[in-house]
């Protein structure tokens, strides 16, 4: 199923007409697979908008390695879960995948679409039936891409996977938690997201920056290195270098105190 859908997804995501413009009749492409439970996903299928055109929210070129691979991996995973009778018997998982373009404005825009669907479903106790979808190989066995709006009558998402950037994930979580929608990140490592008092619906499958920095400091201590340089950028999701440098400075002060005490 995933392999059959991938060429169609690549073609649609590569056509400039499907990129967001300021015209209300043009929307982003959505990859949608119907199911009993729908899992939302925000993947960076395109590069982020150019700096001088960020206000237009027009994404860059397709990220074949980083973006398309994640789309294919999710579809393959759902396919294997749904075909295994021992994992979720009598339950079919579906998905709704949207493009975040590794950009906060685009990710928030797409998150609003997820929330809007949830609100519509809550107001409509008897949703209209899903549009019929062909089951032959040409359509990916029930999966399809649609322009902007997935099939009418679709179900709201039960949770969201992504986005990848910590700074973008924080903004998305601030929005999703207002509607009690869980979020699972696969590469957001900011330590700020570990604060459950602020981000109570956020979870992740990677260690935070604090744990990575601690591991770096442990290596320095293990080999008794006396001089270490760290380089970092001033963005939230590049905090490993900053936290490692902070801990190293703390360790240097600690070692100096120990040395003075021995004199």
Protein backbone atom coordinates (compact mmCIF):
# COMPACT_ATOMS: atom_id res chain seq x y z
CA UNK A 1 0.00 0.00 0.00
CA UNK A 2 2.70 2.50 0.99
CA UNK A 3 4.78 1.69 -2.09
CA UNK A 4 1.77 2.16 -4.36
CA UNK A 5 0.89 5.54 -2.85
CA UNK A 6 4.43 6.97 -2.81
CA UNK A 7 4.70 7.83 -6.55
CA UNK A 8 1.34 9.61 -6.44
CA UNK A 9 2.36 11.52 -3.31
CA UNK A 10 5.68 12.54 -4.88
CA UNK A 11 4.00 13.84 -8.02
CA UNK A 12 1.35 15.82 -6.18
CA UNK A 13 3.78 17.32 -3.67
CA UNK A 14 6.11 18.37 -6.52
CA UNK A 15 3.51 20.31 -8.51
CA UNK A 16 3.76 24.05 -7.75
CA UNK A 17 -0.02 24.48 -8.03
CA UNK A 18 -0.46 22.51 -4.83
CA UNK A 19 1.85 24.72 -2.82
CA UNK A 20 0.06 27.18 -0.57
CA UNK A 21 -0.57 30.59 -2.02
CA UNK A 22 -2.46 33.55 -0.69
CA UNK A 23 -5.45 32.63 -2.84
CA UNK A 24 -8.24 31.01 -0.77
CA UNK A 25 -9.02 28.40 -3.42
CA UNK A 26 -5.56 26.79 -3.26
CA UNK A 27 -4.66 24.45 -0.41
CA UNK A 28 -1.87 22.10 0.54
CA UNK A 29 -1.95 18.46 -0.39
CA UNK A 30 -3.06 16.06 2.35
CA UNK A 31 -2.26 12.34 2.43
CA UNK A 32 -5.22 10.53 4.00
CA UNK A 33 -5.95 6.88 4.85
CA UNK A 34 -9.35 6.11 6.38
CA UNK A 35 -9.63 3.98 9.52
CA UNK A 36 -11.39 3.47 12.84
CA UNK A 37 -8.77 5.69 14.53
CA UNK A 38 -7.01 8.48 12.66
CA UNK A 39 -3.45 9.48 13.60
CA UNK A 40 -2.32 12.93 12.49
CA UNK A 41 1.23 13.65 11.37
CA UNK A 42 3.26 16.75 10.58
CA UNK A 43 6.30 15.90 8.46
CA UNK A 44 8.65 18.31 6.72
CA UNK A 45 7.97 17.09 3.20
CA UNK A 46 9.26 20.36 1.75
CA UNK A 47 12.10 22.64 2.73
CA UNK A 48 11.20 25.73 4.71
CA UNK A 49 10.31 28.96 2.90
CA UNK A 50 13.12 31.23 1.81
CA UNK A 51 13.99 33.87 4.39
CA UNK A 52 12.94 36.74 2.15
CA UNK A 53 9.58 35.08 1.41
CA UNK A 54 8.77 33.55 4.77
CA UNK A 55 5.73 35.79 5.17
CA UNK A 56 4.17 34.14 2.09
CA UNK A 57 4.53 30.67 3.65
CA UNK A 58 5.49 29.18 0.29
CA UNK A 59 7.59 26.10 0.96
CA UNK A 60 10.75 25.14 -0.88
CA UNK A 61 11.75 22.02 -2.77
CA UNK A 62 10.68 18.50 -1.83
CA UNK A 63 12.84 16.79 0.81
CA UNK A 64 13.01 13.32 -0.71
CA UNK A 65 15.30 11.82 1.93
CA UNK A 66 14.02 13.47 5.11
CA UNK A 67 10.38 14.16 4.25
CA UNK A 68 9.18 11.49 1.85
CA UNK A 69 10.90 8.71 3.80
CA UNK A 70 8.94 9.60 6.93
CA UNK A 71 5.68 9.59 5.02
CA UNK A 72 6.47 6.20 3.54
CA UNK A 73 7.63 4.84 6.91
CA UNK A 74 4.37 5.84 8.62
CA UNK A 75 2.23 4.32 5.89
CA UNK A 76 4.24 1.11 5.94
CA UNK A 77 3.97 0.90 9.73
CA UNK A 78 0.19 1.36 9.67
CA UNK A 79 -0.10 -1.22 6.90
CA UNK A 80 1.80 -3.81 8.93
CA UNK A 81 -0.19 -3.08 12.09
CA UNK A 82 -3.50 -3.33 10.26
CA UNK A 83 -2.59 -6.62 8.58
CA UNK A 84 -1.45 -8.23 11.85
CA UNK A 85 -4.51 -9.71 13.63
CA UNK A 86 -2.64 -9.96 16.95
CA UNK A 87 -1.79 -6.26 17.43
CA UNK A 88 -5.12 -4.42 17.17
CA UNK A 89 -7.84 -6.95 16.36
CA UNK A 90 -10.98 -5.44 14.82
CA UNK A 91 -9.40 -1.97 14.80
CA UNK A 92 -8.04 -0.29 11.67
CA UNK A 93 -5.61 2.60 12.00
CA UNK A 94 -5.74 5.43 9.51
CA UNK A 95 -3.74 8.62 9.12
CA UNK A 96 -3.85 12.20 7.95
CA UNK A 97 -0.43 13.51 6.98
CA UNK A 98 0.24 17.21 6.47
CA UNK A 99 3.35 19.14 5.50
CA UNK A 100 5.01 21.37 8.13
CA UNK A 101 7.84 22.58 5.84
CA UNK A 102 10.03 22.82 8.99
CA UNK A 103 8.44 26.24 9.55
CA UNK A 104 6.39 27.33 12.55
CA UNK A 105 3.83 29.39 10.61
CA UNK A 106 3.08 26.53 8.23
CA UNK A 107 2.94 23.97 11.05
CA UNK A 108 0.50 26.11 13.03
CA UNK A 109 -1.62 26.59 9.94
CA UNK A 110 -1.83 22.83 9.43
CA UNK A 111 -2.48 22.22 13.14
CA UNK A 112 -5.47 24.53 12.93
CA UNK A 113 -6.81 22.30 10.15
CA UNK A 114 -6.55 19.28 12.48
CA UNK A 115 -8.36 21.15 15.25
CA UNK A 116 -11.04 22.45 12.92
CA UNK A 117 -11.83 18.90 11.86
CA UNK A 118 -12.13 17.85 15.51
CA UNK A 119 -14.54 20.69 16.23
CA UNK A 120 -16.65 19.87 13.19
CA UNK A 121 -16.81 16.21 14.22
CA UNK A 122 -17.85 17.19 17.76
CA UNK A 123 -20.70 19.29 16.39
CA UNK A 124 -21.85 16.55 14.00
CA UNK A 125 -22.74 13.39 15.98
CA UNK A 126 -23.84 11.62 12.80
CA UNK A 127 -21.09 12.23 10.29
CA UNK A 128 -21.70 11.67 6.63
CA UNK A 129 -20.24 8.46 5.17
CA UNK A 130 -16.77 8.59 3.71
CA UNK A 131 -16.43 9.06 0.00
CA UNK A 132 -15.93 5.69 -1.71
CA UNK A 133 -12.29 4.91 -2.39
CA UNK A 134 -11.16 2.34 -4.90
CA UNK A 135 -9.34 -0.64 -3.46
CA UNK A 136 -7.22 -1.41 -6.51
CA UNK A 137 -3.43 -1.07 -6.55
CA UNK A 138 -3.52 2.14 -8.56
CA UNK A 139 -5.00 4.09 -5.64
CA UNK A 140 -2.81 2.56 -3.00
CA UNK A 141 -5.39 0.17 -1.55
CA UNK A 142 -7.62 2.78 0.08
CA UNK A 143 -5.15 5.60 0.58
CA UNK A 144 -5.29 8.80 -1.40
CA UNK A 145 -4.04 12.36 -1.61
CA UNK A 146 -6.51 15.17 -1.80
CA UNK A 147 -6.20 18.89 -2.36
CA UNK A 148 -6.50 20.61 1.00
CA UNK A 149 -9.57 18.88 2.41
CA UNK A 150 -9.58 15.12 3.15
CA UNK A 151 -12.81 13.17 2.46
CA UNK A 152 -15.95 14.62 3.99
CA UNK A 153 -17.23 12.86 7.07
CA UNK A 154 -13.74 11.89 8.17
CA UNK A 155 -12.95 11.36 11.83
CA UNK A 156 -10.87 13.70 14.02
CA UNK A 157 -7.33 12.68 14.90
CA UNK A 158 -6.68 10.90 18.19
CA UNK A 159 -3.13 12.24 18.39
CA UNK A 160 -0.37 13.90 16.39
CA UNK A 161 3.10 12.71 15.41
CA UNK A 162 5.68 15.46 14.85
CA UNK A 163 6.83 17.99 13.94
CA UNK A 164 10.58 17.44 13.95
CA UNK A 165 11.90 20.80 15.11
CA UNK A 166 11.80 21.62 18.83
CA UNK A 167 10.91 25.27 18.28
CA UNK A 168 8.05 24.31 15.97
CA UNK A 169 6.91 21.46 18.25
CA UNK A 170 6.61 23.88 21.17
CA UNK A 171 4.32 26.19 19.23
CA UNK A 172 2.21 23.32 17.97
CA UNK A 173 1.91 21.86 21.48
CA UNK A 174 0.75 25.21 22.85
CA UNK A 175 -2.13 24.99 20.41
CA UNK A 176 -2.95 21.28 20.61
CA UNK A 177 -3.09 21.09 24.39
CA UNK A 178 -5.95 23.59 24.40
CA UNK A 179 -8.01 20.86 22.74
CA UNK A 180 -6.54 17.88 24.68
CA UNK A 181 -4.83 16.42 21.61
CA UNK A 182 -1.72 14.31 22.49
CA UNK A 183 1.49 14.96 20.59
CA UNK A 184 4.46 12.62 20.10
CA UNK A 185 7.68 14.06 18.68
CA UNK A 186 10.33 11.97 16.97
CA UNK A 187 13.25 14.44 16.94
CA UNK A 188 12.35 17.40 19.18
CA UNK A 189 15.02 17.39 21.90
CA UNK A 190 14.54 20.69 23.71
CA UNK A 191 14.66 20.30 27.49
CA UNK A 192 11.85 22.83 27.78
CA UNK A 193 9.42 20.23 26.46
CA UNK A 194 10.10 18.06 29.53
CA UNK A 195 8.16 20.50 31.70
CA UNK A 196 4.80 18.75 32.14
CA UNK A 197 3.30 21.77 33.84
CA UNK A 198 3.62 23.62 30.53
CA UNK A 199 3.38 20.80 27.97
CA UNK A 200 1.18 18.17 29.58
CA UNK A 201 0.10 16.53 26.31
CA UNK A 202 3.61 16.23 24.87
CA UNK A 203 5.68 13.04 24.65
CA UNK A 204 8.74 12.07 22.65
CA UNK A 205 10.77 9.05 21.65
CA UNK A 206 14.22 10.69 21.75
CA UNK A 207 16.28 11.86 24.76
CA UNK A 208 16.23 15.53 25.66
CA UNK A 209 19.18 17.88 25.27
CA UNK A 210 19.93 17.57 28.99
CA UNK A 211 20.61 13.83 28.71
CA UNK A 212 22.74 14.26 25.60
CA UNK A 213 24.75 17.03 27.25
CA UNK A 214 25.20 14.91 30.36
CA UNK A 215 26.60 12.08 28.23
CA UNK A 216 29.09 14.48 26.63
CA UNK A 217 30.20 15.72 30.04
CA UNK A 218 30.61 12.16 31.27
CA UNK A 219 32.95 11.45 28.34
CA UNK A 220 35.03 14.50 29.22
CA UNK A 221 35.23 13.43 32.85
CA UNK A 222 36.05 9.83 31.94
CA UNK A 223 39.09 10.80 29.87
CA UNK A 224 40.11 13.77 32.07
CA UNK A 225 40.17 16.18 29.17
CA UNK A 226 41.36 19.57 30.36
CA UNK A 227 40.23 21.68 27.38
CA UNK A 228 37.02 21.34 25.37
CA UNK A 229 35.42 23.75 22.88
CA UNK A 230 31.70 23.77 22.20
CA UNK A 231 29.87 25.47 19.33
CA UNK A 232 26.13 26.12 19.29
CA UNK A 233 23.55 28.33 17.63
CA UNK A 234 21.01 30.60 19.28
CA UNK A 235 17.92 28.53 18.54
CA UNK A 236 15.82 26.31 20.78
CA UNK A 237 16.43 23.01 19.03
CA UNK A 238 20.20 23.52 19.00
CA UNK A 239 20.42 23.51 22.78
CA UNK A 240 22.69 20.49 23.15
CA UNK A 241 25.84 22.55 22.61
CA UNK A 242 24.65 25.29 24.94
CA UNK A 243 23.68 22.89 27.73
CA UNK A 244 26.86 20.88 27.28
CA UNK A 245 28.92 24.08 27.52
CA UNK A 246 27.00 25.11 30.65
CA UNK A 247 27.60 21.75 32.31
CA UNK A 248 31.26 21.79 31.29
CA UNK A 249 31.70 25.21 32.83
CA UNK A 250 30.04 23.94 35.97
CA UNK A 251 32.34 20.93 35.99
CA UNK A 252 35.39 23.19 35.55
CA UNK A 253 34.38 25.25 38.58
CA UNK A 254 33.78 22.05 40.54
CA UNK A 255 37.22 20.71 39.61
CA UNK A 256 38.87 24.02 40.55
CA UNK A 257 37.19 23.96 43.96
CA UNK A 258 38.40 20.41 44.52
CA UNK A 259 41.93 21.40 43.54
CA UNK A 260 41.93 24.39 45.89
CA UNK A 261 40.67 22.23 48.72
CA UNK A 262 43.59 19.86 48.32
CA UNK A 263 46.19 22.64 48.62
